[in-house]
Amino acid sequence: MEKIPTMKSISECSEIVGLAKYYVRRLVLQRKVKYVRSGSKYLVNVDSLIEYLNSGEAQAEVEEQNTNKIRKVGI
C-alpha cells in the first residue's frame, strides 16, 4: 500500500525544519522540492523537503542533469 505524502504550507514547513519562510519558498520556486498549488497556496511535500535538506545540492544536481538531456526524435 502506498504511503500518502504529508503536504504542508510553506509557513508550516518552515516551522518544522527551522528555516525561514523565504528559503522554503525559494526551494519551491526553483523546483528543488516536490509541491502542488492549491489556489494561491503552495503545499510542500514534507518528505521531499527533508530529503533535499539531508542530501543537499549534490543529489538535486544529479537529478537535474538526468532530465536536461537532449533526445533524438525520429521522423
PDB file of N, CA and C in Angstrom:
ATOM      1  N   MET A   1       0.834  -1.178   0.000  1.00  0.00           N
ATOM      2  CA  MET A   1       0.000   0.000   0.000  1.00  0.00           C
ATOM      3  C   MET A   1       0.884   1.248   0.000  1.00  0.00           C
ATOM      4  N   GLU A   2       0.561   2.195  -0.874  1.00  0.00           N
ATOM      5  CA  GLU A   2       1.373   3.395  -0.995  1.00  0.00           C
ATOM      6  C   GLU A   2       1.124   4.351   0.162  1.00  0.00           C
ATOM      7  N   LYS A   3       2.187   5.015   0.547  1.00  0.00           N
ATOM      8  CA  LYS A   3       2.103   5.990   1.625  1.00  0.00           C
ATOM      9  C   LYS A   3       1.595   7.314   1.052  1.00  0.00           C
ATOM     10  N   ILE A   4       0.630   7.908   1.703  1.00  0.00           N
ATOM     11  CA  ILE A   4       0.106   9.199   1.266  1.00  0.00           C
ATOM     12  C   ILE A   4       1.068  10.282   1.744  1.00  0.00           C
ATOM     13  N   PRO A   5       1.544  11.146   0.835  1.00  0.00           N
ATOM     14  CA  PRO A   5       2.521  12.158   1.240  1.00  0.00           C
ATOM     15  C   PRO A   5       1.924  13.200   2.176  1.00  0.00           C
ATOM     16  N   THR A   6       2.741  13.679   3.084  1.00  0.00           N
ATOM     17  CA  THR A   6       2.332  14.739   4.002  1.00  0.00           C
ATOM     18  C   THR A   6       2.599  16.074   3.321  1.00  0.00           C
ATOM     19  N   MET A   7       1.544  16.834   3.109  1.00  0.00           N
ATOM     20  CA  MET A   7       1.656  18.128   2.446  1.00  0.00           C
ATOM     21  C   MET A   7       1.364  19.226   3.453  1.00  0.00           C
ATOM     22  N   LYS A   8       2.237  20.204   3.520  1.00  0.00           N
ATOM     23  CA  LYS A   8       2.086  21.324   4.446  1.00  0.00           C
ATOM     24  C   LYS A   8       2.331  22.631   3.692  1.00  0.00           C
ATOM     25  N   SER A   9       1.818  23.723   4.248  1.00  0.00           N
ATOM     26  CA  SER A   9       2.056  25.044   3.654  1.00  0.00           C
ATOM     27  C   SER A   9       3.522  25.438   3.874  1.00  0.00           C
ATOM     28  N   ILE A  10       3.935  26.475   3.176  1.00  0.00           N
ATOM     29  CA  ILE A  10       5.309  26.951   3.311  1.00  0.00           C
ATOM     30  C   ILE A  10       5.583  27.397   4.747  1.00  0.00           C
ATOM     31  N   SER A  11       4.620  28.047   5.370  1.00  0.00           N
ATOM     32  CA  SER A  11       4.784  28.507   6.756  1.00  0.00           C
ATOM     33  C   SER A  11       4.962  27.329   7.707  1.00  0.00           C
ATOM     34  N   GLU A  12       4.116  26.300   7.534  1.00  0.00           N
ATOM     35  CA  GLU A  12       4.213  25.129   8.398  1.00  0.00           C
ATOM     36  C   GLU A  12       5.535  24.400   8.197  1.00  0.00           C
ATOM     37  N   CYS A  13       5.980  24.296   6.938  1.00  0.00           N
ATOM     38  CA  CYS A  13       7.261  23.628   6.651  1.00  0.00           C
ATOM     39  C   CYS A  13       8.425  24.388   7.269  1.00  0.00           C
ATOM     40  N   SER A  14       8.371  25.711   7.221  1.00  0.00           N
ATOM     41  CA  SER A  14       9.470  26.492   7.786  1.00  0.00           C
ATOM     42  C   SER A  14       9.564  26.277   9.296  1.00  0.00           C
ATOM     43  N   GLU A  15       8.427  26.107   9.958  1.00  0.00           N
ATOM     44  CA  GLU A  15       8.438  25.827  11.396  1.00  0.00           C
ATOM     45  C   GLU A  15       8.969  24.430  11.689  1.00  0.00           C
ATOM     46  N   ILE A  16       8.598  23.453  10.852  1.00  0.00           N
ATOM     47  CA  ILE A  16       9.020  22.065  11.061  1.00  0.00           C
ATOM     48  C   ILE A  16      10.536  21.928  10.942  1.00  0.00           C
ATOM     49  N   VAL A  17      11.113  22.508   9.882  1.00  0.00           N
ATOM     50  CA  VAL A  17      12.546  22.329   9.633  1.00  0.00           C
ATOM     51  C   VAL A  17      13.402  23.432  10.246  1.00  0.00           C
ATOM     52  N   GLY A  18      12.777  24.482  10.751  1.00  0.00           N
ATOM     53  CA  GLY A  18      13.531  25.547  11.412  1.00  0.00           C
ATOM     54  C   GLY A  18      14.246  26.479  10.462  1.00  0.00           C
ATOM     55  N   LEU A  19      13.696  26.672   9.273  1.00  0.00           N
ATOM     56  CA  LEU A  19      14.281  27.584   8.295  1.00  0.00           C
ATOM     57  C   LEU A  19      13.324  28.742   8.041  1.00  0.00           C
ATOM     58  N   ALA A  20      13.821  29.782   7.426  1.00  0.00           N
ATOM     59  CA  ALA A  20      12.986  30.939   7.103  1.00  0.00           C
ATOM     60  C   ALA A  20      11.990  30.597   6.002  1.00  0.00           C
ATOM     61  N   LYS A  21      10.839  31.262   6.035  1.00  0.00           N
ATOM     62  CA  LYS A  21       9.803  31.024   5.020  1.00  0.00           C
ATOM     63  C   LYS A  21      10.319  31.317   3.613  1.00  0.00           C
ATOM     64  N   TYR A  22      11.076  32.417   3.489  1.00  0.00           N
ATOM     65  CA  TYR A  22      11.555  32.792   2.159  1.00  0.00           C
ATOM     66  C   TYR A  22      12.474  31.719   1.573  1.00  0.00           C
ATOM     67  N   TYR A  23      13.240  31.014   2.416  1.00  0.00           N
ATOM     68  CA  TYR A  23      14.144  29.970   1.923  1.00  0.00           C
ATOM     69  C   TYR A  23      13.347  28.766   1.422  1.00  0.00           C
ATOM     70  N   VAL A  24      12.330  28.367   2.176  1.00  0.00           N
ATOM     71  CA  VAL A  24      11.483  27.250   1.741  1.00  0.00           C
ATOM     72  C   VAL A  24      10.765  27.635   0.456  1.00  0.00           C
ATOM     73  N   ARG A  25      10.255  28.875   0.384  1.00  0.00           N
ATOM     74  CA  ARG A  25       9.578  29.344  -0.825  1.00  0.00           C
ATOM     75  C   ARG A  25      10.527  29.330  -2.022  1.00  0.00           C
ATOM     76  N   ARG A  26      11.770  29.719  -1.795  1.00  0.00           N
ATOM     77  CA  ARG A  26      12.762  29.728  -2.874  1.00  0.00           C
ATOM     78  C   ARG A  26      13.022  28.310  -3.388  1.00  0.00           C
ATOM     79  N   LEU A  27      13.105  27.331  -2.470  1.00  0.00           N
ATOM     80  CA  LEU A  27      13.297  25.941  -2.891  1.00  0.00           C
ATOM     81  C   LEU A  27      12.116  25.465  -3.742  1.00  0.00           C
ATOM     82  N   VAL A  28      10.916  25.884  -3.360  1.00  0.00           N
ATOM     83  CA  VAL A  28       9.719  25.511  -4.127  1.00  0.00           C
ATOM     84  C   VAL A  28       9.770  26.142  -5.515  1.00  0.00           C
ATOM     85  N   LEU A  29      10.031  27.434  -5.581  1.00  0.00           N
ATOM     86  CA  LEU A  29      10.037  28.131  -6.869  1.00  0.00           C
ATOM     87  C   LEU A  29      11.166  27.669  -7.781  1.00  0.00           C
ATOM     88  N   GLN A  30      12.246  27.166  -7.209  1.00  0.00           N
ATOM     89  CA  GLN A  30      13.343  26.612  -8.003  1.00  0.00           C
ATOM     90  C   GLN A  30      13.112  25.146  -8.342  1.00  0.00           C
ATOM     91  N   ARG A  31      11.972  24.595  -7.912  1.00  0.00           N
ATOM     92  CA  ARG A  31      11.573  23.213  -8.161  1.00  0.00           C
ATOM     93  C   ARG A  31      12.570  22.202  -7.592  1.00  0.00           C
ATOM     94  N   LYS A  32      13.137  22.523  -6.448  1.00  0.00           N
ATOM     95  CA  LYS A  32      14.080  21.610  -5.806  1.00  0.00           C
ATOM     96  C   LYS A  32      13.376  20.634  -4.875  1.00  0.00           C
ATOM     97  N   VAL A  33      12.135  20.931  -4.506  1.00  0.00           N
ATOM     98  CA  VAL A  33      11.320  20.038  -3.684  1.00  0.00           C
ATOM     99  C   VAL A  33       9.964  19.862  -4.365  1.00  0.00           C
ATOM    100  N   LYS A  34       9.295  18.777  -4.048  1.00  0.00           N
ATOM    101  CA  LYS A  34       8.001  18.497  -4.654  1.00  0.00           C
ATOM    102  C   LYS A  34       6.924  19.326  -3.977  1.00  0.00           C
ATOM    103  N   TYR A  35       5.993  19.821  -4.801  1.00  0.00           N
ATOM    104  CA  TYR A  35       4.914  20.650  -4.273  1.00  0.00           C
ATOM    105  C   TYR A  35       3.722  20.592  -5.220  1.00  0.00           C
ATOM    106  N   VAL A  36       2.593  21.075  -4.745  1.00  0.00           N
ATOM    107  CA  VAL A  36       1.413  21.290  -5.587  1.00  0.00           C
ATOM    108  C   VAL A  36       0.852  22.660  -5.233  1.00  0.00           C
ATOM    109  N   ARG A  37       0.132  23.231  -6.173  1.00  0.00           N
ATOM    110  CA  ARG A  37      -0.534  24.504  -5.892  1.00  0.00           C
ATOM    111  C   ARG A  37      -1.985  24.233  -5.593  1.00  0.00           C
ATOM    112  N   SER A  38      -2.482  24.878  -4.571  1.00  0.00           N
ATOM    113  CA  SER A  38      -3.887  24.804  -4.215  1.00  0.00           C
ATOM    114  C   SER A  38      -4.396  26.236  -4.176  1.00  0.00           C
ATOM    115  N   GLY A  39      -4.961  26.673  -5.281  1.00  0.00           N
ATOM    116  CA  GLY A  39      -5.339  28.083  -5.393  1.00  0.00           C
ATOM    117  C   GLY A  39      -4.086  28.926  -5.454  1.00  0.00           C
ATOM    118  N   SER A  40      -3.935  29.835  -4.504  1.00  0.00           N
ATOM    119  CA  SER A  40      -2.735  30.673  -4.474  1.00  0.00           C
ATOM    120  C   SER A  40      -1.691  30.149  -3.498  1.00  0.00           C
ATOM    121  N   LYS A  41      -1.996  29.033  -2.812  1.00  0.00           N
ATOM    122  CA  LYS A  41      -1.062  28.461  -1.837  1.00  0.00           C
ATOM    123  C   LYS A  41      -0.215  27.366  -2.464  1.00  0.00           C
ATOM    124  N   TYR A  42       0.991  27.232  -1.944  1.00  0.00           N
ATOM    125  CA  TYR A  42       1.859  26.126  -2.301  1.00  0.00           C
ATOM    126  C   TYR A  42       1.826  25.124  -1.162  1.00  0.00           C
ATOM    127  N   LEU A  43       1.559  23.864  -1.482  1.00  0.00           N
ATOM    128  CA  LEU A  43       1.613  22.801  -0.486  1.00  0.00           C
ATOM    129  C   LEU A  43       2.842  21.965  -0.776  1.00  0.00           C
ATOM    130  N   VAL A  44       3.744  21.897   0.182  1.00  0.00           N
ATOM    131  CA  VAL A  44       5.051  21.265   0.007  1.00  0.00           C
ATOM    132  C   VAL A  44       5.010  19.850   0.555  1.00  0.00           C
ATOM    133  N   ASN A  45       5.605  18.914  -0.171  1.00  0.00           N
ATOM    134  CA  ASN A  45       5.770  17.545   0.306  1.00  0.00           C
ATOM    135  C   ASN A  45       6.881  17.570   1.360  1.00  0.00           C
ATOM    136  N   VAL A  46       6.496  17.331   2.606  1.00  0.00           N
ATOM    137  CA  VAL A  46       7.447  17.445   3.725  1.00  0.00           C
ATOM    138  C   VAL A  46       8.590  16.440   3.581  1.00  0.00           C
ATOM    139  N   ASP A  47       8.288  15.213   3.157  1.00  0.00           N
ATOM    140  CA  ASP A  47       9.341  14.201   2.985  1.00  0.00           C
ATOM    141  C   ASP A  47      10.354  14.641   1.935  1.00  0.00           C
ATOM    142  N   SER A  48       9.873  15.239   0.846  1.00  0.00           N
ATOM    143  CA  SER A  48      10.759  15.721  -0.207  1.00  0.00           C
ATOM    144  C   SER A  48      11.661  16.839   0.309  1.00  0.00           C
ATOM    145  N   LEU A  49      11.096  17.735   1.106  1.00  0.00           N
ATOM    146  CA  LEU A  49      11.877  18.834   1.675  1.00  0.00           C
ATOM    147  C   LEU A  49      12.970  18.311   2.600  1.00  0.00           C
ATOM    148  N   ILE A  50      12.610  17.399   3.485  1.00  0.00           N
ATOM    149  CA  ILE A  50      13.586  16.844   4.429  1.00  0.00           C
ATOM    150  C   ILE A  50      14.659  16.058   3.684  1.00  0.00           C
ATOM    151  N   GLU A  51      14.254  15.298   2.667  1.00  0.00           N
ATOM    152  CA  GLU A  51      15.230  14.541   1.864  1.00  0.00           C
ATOM    153  C   GLU A  51      16.194  15.488   1.165  1.00  0.00           C
ATOM    154  N   TYR A  52      15.682  16.580   0.609  1.00  0.00           N
ATOM    155  CA  TYR A  52      16.547  17.558  -0.053  1.00  0.00           C
ATOM    156  C   TYR A  52      17.535  18.163   0.935  1.00  0.00           C
ATOM    157  N   LEU A  53      17.046  18.524   2.110  1.00  0.00           N
ATOM    158  CA  LEU A  53      17.929  19.143   3.103  1.00  0.00           C
ATOM    159  C   LEU A  53      18.991  18.165   3.606  1.00  0.00           C
ATOM    160  N   ASN A  54      18.659  16.883   3.682  1.00  0.00           N
ATOM    161  CA  ASN A  54      19.629  15.880   4.126  1.00  0.00           C
ATOM    162  C   ASN A  54      20.653  15.558   3.046  1.00  0.00           C
ATOM    163  N   SER A  55      20.210  15.464   1.792  1.00  0.00           N
ATOM    164  CA  SER A  55      21.124  15.082   0.714  1.00  0.00           C
ATOM    165  C   SER A  55      21.875  16.273   0.157  1.00  0.00           C
ATOM    166  N   GLY A  56      21.306  17.455   0.261  1.00  0.00           N
ATOM    167  CA  GLY A  56      21.981  18.658  -0.197  1.00  0.00           C
ATOM    168  C   GLY A  56      21.847  18.876  -1.690  1.00  0.00           C
ATOM    169  N   GLU A  57      22.611  19.816  -2.155  1.00  0.00           N
ATOM    170  CA  GLU A  57      22.565  20.246  -3.549  1.00  0.00           C
ATOM    171  C   GLU A  57      23.079  19.184  -4.509  1.00  0.00           C
ATOM    172  N   ALA A  58      23.979  18.334  -4.075  1.00  0.00           N
ATOM    173  CA  ALA A  58      24.597  17.347  -4.968  1.00  0.00           C
ATOM    174  C   ALA A  58      23.564  16.416  -5.580  1.00  0.00           C
ATOM    175  N   GLN A  59      22.649  15.894  -4.796  1.00  0.00           N
ATOM    176  CA  GLN A  59      21.631  14.978  -5.293  1.00  0.00           C
ATOM    177  C   GLN A  59      20.710  15.683  -6.283  1.00  0.00           C
ATOM    178  N   ALA A  60      20.343  16.921  -6.003  1.00  0.00           N
ATOM    179  CA  ALA A  60      19.455  17.673  -6.884  1.00  0.00           C
ATOM    180  C   ALA A  60      20.122  17.927  -8.233  1.00  0.00           C
ATOM    181  N   GLU A  61      21.433  18.198  -8.227  1.00  0.00           N
ATOM    182  CA  GLU A  61      22.143  18.432  -9.480  1.00  0.00           C
ATOM    183  C   GLU A  61      22.187  17.166 -10.325  1.00  0.00           C
ATOM    184  N   VAL A  62      22.377  16.013  -9.708  1.00  0.00           N
ATOM    185  CA  VAL A  62      22.405  14.750 -10.451  1.00  0.00           C
ATOM    186  C   VAL A  62      21.060  14.507 -11.110  1.00  0.00           C
ATOM    187  N   GLU A  63      19.972  14.712 -10.390  1.00  0.00           N
ATOM    188  CA  GLU A  63      18.645  14.515 -10.961  1.00  0.00           C
ATOM    189  C   GLU A  63      18.390  15.513 -12.073  1.00  0.00           C
ATOM    190  N   GLU A  64      18.842  16.748 -11.908  1.00  0.00           N
ATOM    191  CA  GLU A  64      18.643  17.772 -12.919  1.00  0.00           C
ATOM    192  C   GLU A  64      19.420  17.434 -14.186  1.00  0.00           C
ATOM    193  N   GLN A  65      20.637  16.914 -14.045  1.00  0.00           N
ATOM    194  CA  GLN A  65      21.438  16.542 -15.200  1.00  0.00           C
ATOM    195  C   GLN A  65      20.771  15.412 -15.974  1.00  0.00           C
ATOM    196  N   ASN A  66      20.143  14.489 -15.296  1.00  0.00           N
ATOM    197  CA  ASN A  66      19.488  13.373 -15.956  1.00  0.00           C
ATOM    198  C   ASN A  66      18.256  13.802 -16.737  1.00  0.00           C
ATOM    199  N   THR A  67      17.601  14.883 -16.335  1.00  0.00           N
ATOM    200  CA  THR A  67      16.380  15.305 -17.012  1.00  0.00           C
ATOM    201  C   THR A  67      16.620  16.353 -18.081  1.00  0.00           C
ATOM    202  N   ASN A  68      17.800  16.933 -18.158  1.00  0.00           N
ATOM    203  CA  ASN A  68      18.061  18.008 -19.113  1.00  0.00           C
ATOM    204  C   ASN A  68      18.813  17.552 -20.354  1.00  0.00           C
ATOM    205  N   LYS A  69      18.776  16.281 -20.650  1.00  0.00           N
ATOM    206  CA  LYS A  69      19.493  15.795 -21.820  1.00  0.00           C
ATOM    207  C   LYS A  69      18.640  15.966 -23.074  1.00  0.00           C
ATOM    208  N   ILE A  70      19.311  16.194 -24.184  1.00  0.00           N
ATOM    209  CA  ILE A  70      18.625  16.326 -25.475  1.00  0.00           C
ATOM    210  C   ILE A  70      18.448  14.921 -26.055  1.00  0.00           C
ATOM    211  N   ARG A  71      17.240  14.648 -26.491  1.00  0.00           N
ATOM    212  CA  ARG A  71      16.958  13.335 -27.073  1.00  0.00           C
ATOM    213  C   ARG A  71      16.744  13.475 -28.570  1.00  0.00           C
ATOM    214  N   LYS A  72      17.199  12.516 -29.312  1.00  0.00           N
ATOM    215  CA  LYS A  72      16.982  12.490 -30.750  1.00  0.00           C
ATOM    216  C   LYS A  72      15.562  11.979 -31.002  1.00  0.00           C
ATOM    217  N   VAL A  73      14.839  12.713 -31.805  1.00  0.00           N
ATOM    218  CA  VAL A  73      13.464  12.345 -32.111  1.00  0.00           C
ATOM    219  C   VAL A  73      13.415  11.846 -33.540  1.00  0.00           C
ATOM    220  N   GLY A  74      12.885  10.617 -33.717  1.00  0.00           N
ATOM    221  CA  GLY A  74      12.792  10.048 -35.057  1.00  0.00           C
ATOM    222  C   GLY A  74      11.684  10.696 -35.870  1.00  0.00           C
ATOM    223  N   ILE A  75      11.936  10.796 -37.161  1.00  0.00           N
ATOM    224  CA  ILE A  75      10.928  11.405 -38.050  1.00  0.00           C
ATOM    225  C   ILE A  75      10.263  10.337 -38.884  1.00  0.00           C
TER     226      ILE A  75
END
